[in-house]
């Protein structure tokens, strides 16, 4: 996951500082994501994918479809994320972390 994010960031000629600023996380946290030391929350992963024009499925290794989702899909994802309460969001984050650790 981290390598895909880093490669796309470099391809788009974005520094760690610029991308982290655009998605609202610290430079150090983005570096840790790219290094594979930390897993981002689903909302952060979503913002990374959108900014880099990468599908979240591709970042997670679930699909070979690199392209970012279209506007209709984006609205649906936003709708679904907003429906989650804090407990549900925590469960989704743990599921993603477990999945990423098992790779």
Protein backbone atom coordinates (compact mmCIF):
# COMPACT_ATOMS: atom_id res chain seq x y z
CA UNK A 1 0.00 0.00 0.00
CA UNK A 2 2.69 2.47 0.98
CA UNK A 3 4.71 1.88 -2.17
CA UNK A 4 1.66 2.51 -4.36
CA UNK A 5 0.96 5.78 -2.56
CA UNK A 6 4.60 6.87 -2.73
CA UNK A 7 4.92 6.02 -6.43
CA UNK A 8 1.75 7.92 -7.31
CA UNK A 9 2.84 10.90 -5.18
CA UNK A 10 6.22 11.05 -6.93
CA UNK A 11 4.59 10.59 -10.34
CA UNK A 12 2.35 13.58 -9.62
CA UNK A 13 5.45 15.50 -8.45
CA UNK A 14 4.09 16.09 -4.97
CA UNK A 15 6.37 16.32 -1.96
CA UNK A 16 5.45 14.64 1.31
CA UNK A 17 4.75 18.11 2.69
CA UNK A 18 2.44 19.14 -0.15
CA UNK A 19 0.40 15.92 -0.18
CA UNK A 20 0.10 15.78 3.60
CA UNK A 21 -1.10 19.39 3.59
CA UNK A 22 -3.69 18.66 0.89
CA UNK A 23 -5.13 15.66 2.76
CA UNK A 24 -4.90 17.12 6.26
CA UNK A 25 -2.36 14.88 7.97
CA UNK A 26 1.17 15.44 9.21
CA UNK A 27 4.15 14.93 6.93
CA UNK A 28 5.54 12.37 9.37
CA UNK A 29 2.33 10.34 9.40
CA UNK A 30 2.27 10.28 5.59
CA UNK A 31 5.89 9.15 5.60
CA UNK A 32 4.99 6.32 8.02
CA UNK A 33 2.11 5.27 5.75
CA UNK A 34 4.41 5.18 2.74
CA UNK A 35 7.02 3.25 4.72
CA UNK A 36 4.38 0.68 5.75
CA UNK A 37 4.74 1.50 9.44
CA UNK A 38 1.20 2.80 9.94
CA UNK A 39 -2.18 2.27 8.32
CA UNK A 40 -4.39 5.26 7.64
CA UNK A 41 -7.98 5.56 8.78
CA UNK A 42 -10.48 4.88 6.03
CA UNK A 43 -11.26 8.59 5.67
CA UNK A 44 -7.57 9.38 5.25
CA UNK A 45 -7.18 6.57 2.75
CA UNK A 46 -10.13 7.99 0.85
CA UNK A 47 -8.55 11.48 0.75
CA UNK A 48 -5.19 10.03 -0.38
CA UNK A 49 -6.87 8.08 -3.17
CA UNK A 50 -8.86 11.07 -4.33
CA UNK A 51 -5.85 13.39 -4.31
CA UNK A 52 -3.65 10.91 -6.18
CA UNK A 53 -6.43 9.72 -8.52
CA UNK A 54 -6.02 6.14 -7.26
CA UNK A 55 -8.88 3.81 -6.45
CA UNK A 56 -8.95 2.75 -2.82
CA UNK A 57 -9.33 -0.87 -3.98
CA UNK A 58 -6.07 -0.53 -5.90
CA UNK A 59 -4.26 1.01 -2.92
CA UNK A 60 -5.45 -1.87 -0.72
CA UNK A 61 -4.42 -4.47 -3.29
CA UNK A 62 -8.00 -5.63 -3.87
CA UNK A 63 -8.11 -4.62 -7.53
CA UNK A 64 -5.87 -3.84 -10.46
CA UNK A 65 -8.13 -0.92 -11.36
CA UNK A 66 -5.87 2.07 -10.67
CA UNK A 67 -8.31 4.80 -11.71
CA UNK A 68 -10.13 6.83 -9.09
CA UNK A 69 -13.88 6.26 -8.85
CA UNK A 70 -16.35 8.48 -10.66
CA UNK A 71 -18.45 11.20 -9.03
CA UNK A 72 -21.49 8.94 -8.55
CA UNK A 73 -19.42 6.35 -6.68
CA UNK A 74 -17.71 9.08 -4.67
CA UNK A 75 -21.04 10.48 -3.52
CA UNK A 76 -22.16 6.97 -2.52
CA UNK A 77 -18.98 6.36 -0.49
CA UNK A 78 -19.33 9.74 1.23
CA UNK A 79 -22.94 8.92 2.01
CA UNK A 80 -21.98 5.56 3.50
CA UNK A 81 -19.07 6.95 5.55
CA UNK A 82 -21.26 9.69 6.98
CA UNK A 83 -23.78 7.07 8.13
CA UNK A 84 -21.16 5.37 10.33
CA UNK A 85 -21.01 6.26 13.99
CA UNK A 86 -17.71 6.35 15.89
CA UNK A 87 -17.97 2.72 16.96
CA UNK A 88 -18.68 1.53 13.42
CA UNK A 89 -15.83 3.66 12.04
CA UNK A 90 -13.52 2.09 14.61
CA UNK A 91 -14.57 -1.39 13.48
CA UNK A 92 -13.96 -0.51 9.82
CA UNK A 93 -10.52 0.89 10.70
CA UNK A 94 -9.61 -2.25 12.67
CA UNK A 95 -10.74 -4.44 9.78
CA UNK A 96 -8.56 -2.47 7.38
CA UNK A 97 -5.58 -2.60 9.75
CA UNK A 98 -5.98 -6.36 10.20
CA UNK A 99 -6.23 -6.83 6.46
CA UNK A 100 -3.12 -4.72 5.84
CA UNK A 101 -1.12 -6.52 8.53
CA UNK A 102 -2.01 -9.90 7.00
CA UNK A 103 -0.61 -8.99 3.57
